[in-house]
Amino acid sequence: MTFPLLIITPRRKVFDDAVELLSVVTTAGQLGILANHTPLLTIMKTGPMHIQTNKKTIYYAVSGGVLSVQKNQTILLVDAIEQAEEIDVTRAKEALKRAEDRLNEKNQKIDDARAKAALTRALNRIQVAEMFSKK
């Protein structure tokens, strides 16, 4: 059994089709959504995500957002999302290095929370690409 899923970023519509399963990381932990799920509104954390259609499983790196599950539609409003095969691992590793360098600096002007968030995003992108990319 399938249900409609819409994934949107501030810049574009990423996905709009029927799926059998949606698996995301929320502030409450890992969450799997199937057809006829109880209505829900929750915050997503940076982490891996996958959707399963009747033909394939698609893996993504997600950088936070909101998940809304309603009777007839599930909507993900995400800050950023990349399909595993589209992730530029070299660029992600450069971002990881920059974040680590910022966190190691003794400069009080560095925003630690922002640097830690950048580190988390970069690690997520690298892990998703290395685990799930078919490149």
C-alpha atoms as a PDB file:
ATOM      1  CA  MET A   1       0.000   0.000   0.000  1.00  0.00           C
ATOM      2  CA  THR A   2       1.319   3.461  -0.869  1.00  0.00           C
ATOM      3  CA  PHE A   3       0.759   7.036   0.251  1.00  0.00           C
ATOM      4  CA  PRO A   4       1.561  10.404  -1.382  1.00  0.00           C
ATOM      5  CA  LEU A   5       4.811  12.074  -0.307  1.00  0.00           C
ATOM      6  CA  LEU A   6       5.865  15.625  -1.097  1.00  0.00           C
ATOM      7  CA  ILE A   7       9.403  16.819  -0.282  1.00  0.00           C
ATOM      8  CA  ILE A   8      10.079  20.562  -0.571  1.00  0.00           C
ATOM      9  CA  THR A   9      13.085  22.770   0.162  1.00  0.00           C
ATOM     10  CA  PRO A  10      13.052  26.577   0.175  1.00  0.00           C
ATOM     11  CA  ARG A  11      14.368  26.393  -3.416  1.00  0.00           C
ATOM     12  CA  ARG A  12      12.568  23.518  -5.129  1.00  0.00           C
ATOM     13  CA  LYS A  13      10.218  20.563  -5.085  1.00  0.00           C
ATOM     14  CA  VAL A  14      12.420  17.487  -4.644  1.00  0.00           C
ATOM     15  CA  PHE A  15       9.919  14.647  -4.753  1.00  0.00           C
ATOM     16  CA  ASP A  16       6.192  14.262  -5.393  1.00  0.00           C
ATOM     17  CA  ASP A  17       5.020  10.677  -5.806  1.00  0.00           C
ATOM     18  CA  ALA A  18       3.563   7.664  -4.035  1.00  0.00           C
ATOM     19  CA  VAL A  19       5.805   5.711  -1.653  1.00  0.00           C
ATOM     20  CA  GLU A  20       5.484   2.588   0.442  1.00  0.00           C
ATOM     21  CA  LEU A  21       7.781   3.714   3.262  1.00  0.00           C
ATOM     22  CA  LEU A  22       9.430   6.882   4.547  1.00  0.00           C
ATOM     23  CA  SER A  23      12.184   6.600   7.160  1.00  0.00           C
ATOM     24  CA  VAL A  24      13.510   9.764   8.845  1.00  0.00           C
ATOM     25  CA  VAL A  25      15.438  10.864  11.931  1.00  0.00           C
ATOM     26  CA  THR A  26      13.389  13.119  14.214  1.00  0.00           C
ATOM     27  CA  THR A  27      14.098  14.753  17.557  1.00  0.00           C
ATOM     28  CA  ALA A  28      12.358  11.706  19.101  1.00  0.00           C
ATOM     29  CA  GLY A  29      14.502   9.206  17.162  1.00  0.00           C
ATOM     30  CA  GLN A  30      14.174   7.102  14.021  1.00  0.00           C
ATOM     31  CA  LEU A  31      10.648   7.106  12.574  1.00  0.00           C
ATOM     32  CA  GLY A  32       9.111   4.967   9.864  1.00  0.00           C
ATOM     33  CA  ILE A  33       5.943   6.109   8.085  1.00  0.00           C
ATOM     34  CA  LEU A  34       3.644   3.705   6.257  1.00  0.00           C
ATOM     35  CA  ALA A  35       0.255   4.222   4.614  1.00  0.00           C
ATOM     36  CA  ASN A  36      -2.542   5.147   7.057  1.00  0.00           C
ATOM     37  CA  HIS A  37      -0.107   6.420   9.697  1.00  0.00           C
ATOM     38  CA  THR A  38      -1.590   8.403  12.568  1.00  0.00           C
ATOM     39  CA  PRO A  39      -1.510  12.174  11.892  1.00  0.00           C
ATOM     40  CA  LEU A  40       1.734  13.658  13.138  1.00  0.00           C
ATOM     41  CA  LEU A  41       3.770  16.856  13.135  1.00  0.00           C
ATOM     42  CA  THR A  42       7.418  16.561  14.165  1.00  0.00           C
ATOM     43  CA  ILE A  43      10.834  18.150  13.746  1.00  0.00           C
ATOM     44  CA  MET A  44      13.454  16.321  11.700  1.00  0.00           C
ATOM     45  CA  LYS A  45      17.110  16.264  12.643  1.00  0.00           C
ATOM     46  CA  THR A  46      20.094  16.225  10.344  1.00  0.00           C
ATOM     47  CA  GLY A  47      20.542  12.615   9.334  1.00  0.00           C
ATOM     48  CA  PRO A  48      19.977   9.938   6.735  1.00  0.00           C
ATOM     49  CA  MET A  49      16.551   9.432   5.216  1.00  0.00           C
ATOM     50  CA  HIS A  50      15.171   6.933   2.752  1.00  0.00           C
ATOM     51  CA  ILE A  51      12.015   6.348   0.813  1.00  0.00           C
ATOM     52  CA  GLN A  52      10.865   3.084  -0.656  1.00  0.00           C
ATOM     53  CA  THR A  53       8.727   2.946  -3.754  1.00  0.00           C
ATOM     54  CA  ASN A  54       7.458  -0.194  -5.424  1.00  0.00           C
ATOM     55  CA  LYS A  55      10.516  -0.072  -7.701  1.00  0.00           C
ATOM     56  CA  LYS A  56      13.450   1.093  -5.584  1.00  0.00           C
ATOM     57  CA  THR A  57      14.839   2.581  -2.392  1.00  0.00           C
ATOM     58  CA  ILE A  58      16.220   6.124  -2.561  1.00  0.00           C
ATOM     59  CA  TYR A  59      18.655   7.391   0.083  1.00  0.00           C
ATOM     60  CA  TYR A  60      19.111  11.038   1.068  1.00  0.00           C
ATOM     61  CA  ALA A  61      21.141  13.222   3.409  1.00  0.00           C
ATOM     62  CA  VAL A  62      18.750  15.651   5.103  1.00  0.00           C
ATOM     63  CA  SER A  63      19.670  18.796   7.033  1.00  0.00           C
ATOM     64  CA  GLY A  64      16.708  19.321   9.325  1.00  0.00           C
ATOM     65  CA  GLY A  65      13.122  20.222   8.636  1.00  0.00           C
ATOM     66  CA  VAL A  66       9.518  19.496   9.533  1.00  0.00           C
ATOM     67  CA  LEU A  67       7.476  16.367   8.841  1.00  0.00           C
ATOM     68  CA  SER A  68       3.689  16.572   8.552  1.00  0.00           C
ATOM     69  CA  VAL A  69       1.670  13.378   8.246  1.00  0.00           C
ATOM     70  CA  GLN A  70      -2.010  13.893   7.445  1.00  0.00           C
ATOM     71  CA  LYS A  71      -4.761  11.556   6.317  1.00  0.00           C
ATOM     72  CA  ASN A  72      -4.171  12.007   2.588  1.00  0.00           C
ATOM     73  CA  GLN A  73      -0.634  13.350   2.330  1.00  0.00           C
ATOM     74  CA  THR A  74       2.765  13.385   3.966  1.00  0.00           C
ATOM     75  CA  ILE A  75       4.847  16.528   3.523  1.00  0.00           C
ATOM     76  CA  LEU A  76       8.513  17.107   4.326  1.00  0.00           C
ATOM     77  CA  LEU A  77       9.645  20.721   4.484  1.00  0.00           C
ATOM     78  CA  VAL A  78      13.418  20.386   4.644  1.00  0.00           C
ATOM     79  CA  ASP A  79      16.220  22.919   4.958  1.00  0.00           C
ATOM     80  CA  ALA A  80      18.451  20.974   2.560  1.00  0.00           C
ATOM     81  CA  ILE A  81      18.404  17.510   1.018  1.00  0.00           C
ATOM     82  CA  GLU A  82      20.704  15.601  -1.321  1.00  0.00           C
ATOM     83  CA  GLN A  83      20.247  12.204  -2.892  1.00  0.00           C
ATOM     84  CA  ALA A  84      23.165   9.907  -2.030  1.00  0.00           C
ATOM     85  CA  GLU A  85      24.379   9.728  -5.633  1.00  0.00           C
ATOM     86  CA  GLU A  86      24.384  13.531  -5.960  1.00  0.00           C
ATOM     87  CA  ILE A  87      26.589  14.256  -2.945  1.00  0.00           C
ATOM     88  CA  ASP A  88      29.998  15.690  -3.783  1.00  0.00           C
ATOM     89  CA  VAL A  89      32.101  13.838  -1.198  1.00  0.00           C
ATOM     90  CA  THR A  90      35.181  15.986  -1.850  1.00  0.00           C
ATOM     91  CA  ARG A  91      33.175  19.134  -1.142  1.00  0.00           C
ATOM     92  CA  ALA A  92      31.640  17.536   1.965  1.00  0.00           C
ATOM     93  CA  LYS A  93      35.094  16.598   3.264  1.00  0.00           C
ATOM     94  CA  GLU A  94      36.276  20.173   2.703  1.00  0.00           C
ATOM     95  CA  ALA A  95      33.269  21.437   4.687  1.00  0.00           C
ATOM     96  CA  LEU A  96      34.088  18.946   7.445  1.00  0.00           C
ATOM     97  CA  LYS A  97      37.684  20.197   7.613  1.00  0.00           C
ATOM     98  CA  ARG A  98      36.528  23.845   7.777  1.00  0.00           C
ATOM     99  CA  ALA A  99      34.084  23.028  10.583  1.00  0.00           C
ATOM    100  CA  GLU A 100      36.744  21.116  12.531  1.00  0.00           C
ATOM    101  CA  ASP A 101      39.218  23.981  12.092  1.00  0.00           C
ATOM    102  CA  ARG A 102      36.656  26.499  13.374  1.00  0.00           C
ATOM    103  CA  LEU A 103      35.886  24.356  16.411  1.00  0.00           C
ATOM    104  CA  ASN A 104      39.604  24.006  17.189  1.00  0.00           C
ATOM    105  CA  GLU A 105      40.236  27.754  17.004  1.00  0.00           C
ATOM    106  CA  LYS A 106      40.485  29.655  20.260  1.00  0.00           C
ATOM    107  CA  ASN A 107      38.760  32.667  18.715  1.00  0.00           C
ATOM    108  CA  GLN A 108      35.781  33.830  20.775  1.00  0.00           C
ATOM    109  CA  LYS A 109      34.131  35.259  17.659  1.00  0.00           C
ATOM    110  CA  ILE A 110      33.496  31.745  16.354  1.00  0.00           C
ATOM    111  CA  ASP A 111      29.891  30.635  16.818  1.00  0.00           C
ATOM    112  CA  ASP A 112      30.349  27.142  18.293  1.00  0.00           C
ATOM    113  CA  ALA A 113      26.741  26.070  17.693  1.00  0.00           C
ATOM    114  CA  ARG A 114      26.961  27.041  14.047  1.00  0.00           C
ATOM    115  CA  ALA A 115      30.302  25.266  13.604  1.00  0.00           C
ATOM    116  CA  LYS A 116      28.943  22.115  15.292  1.00  0.00           C
ATOM    117  CA  ALA A 117      25.884  22.182  13.015  1.00  0.00           C
ATOM    118  CA  ALA A 118      28.161  22.495   9.963  1.00  0.00           C
ATOM    119  CA  LEU A 119      30.220  19.570  11.257  1.00  0.00           C
ATOM    120  CA  THR A 120      27.079  17.435  11.720  1.00  0.00           C
ATOM    121  CA  ARG A 121      25.825  18.271   8.210  1.00  0.00           C
ATOM    122  CA  ALA A 122      29.173  17.448   6.608  1.00  0.00           C
ATOM    123  CA  LEU A 123      29.486  14.136   8.480  1.00  0.00           C
ATOM    124  CA  ASN A 124      25.937  13.178   7.479  1.00  0.00           C
ATOM    125  CA  ARG A 125      26.596  13.940   3.803  1.00  0.00           C
ATOM    126  CA  ILE A 126      29.816  11.905   3.829  1.00  0.00           C
ATOM    127  CA  GLN A 127      28.247   8.934   5.611  1.00  0.00           C
ATOM    128  CA  VAL A 128      25.177   8.828   3.357  1.00  0.00           C
ATOM    129  CA  ALA A 129      27.295   9.099   0.206  1.00  0.00           C
ATOM    130  CA  GLU A 130      29.722   6.418   1.295  1.00  0.00           C
ATOM    131  CA  MET A 131      27.060   4.006   2.555  1.00  0.00           C
ATOM    132  CA  PHE A 132      24.374   4.373  -0.084  1.00  0.00           C
ATOM    133  CA  SER A 133      25.809   5.892  -3.247  1.00  0.00           C
ATOM    134  CA  LYS A 134      26.035   3.603  -6.260  1.00  0.00           C
ATOM    135  CA  LYS A 135      28.782   5.677  -7.873  1.00  0.00           C
END
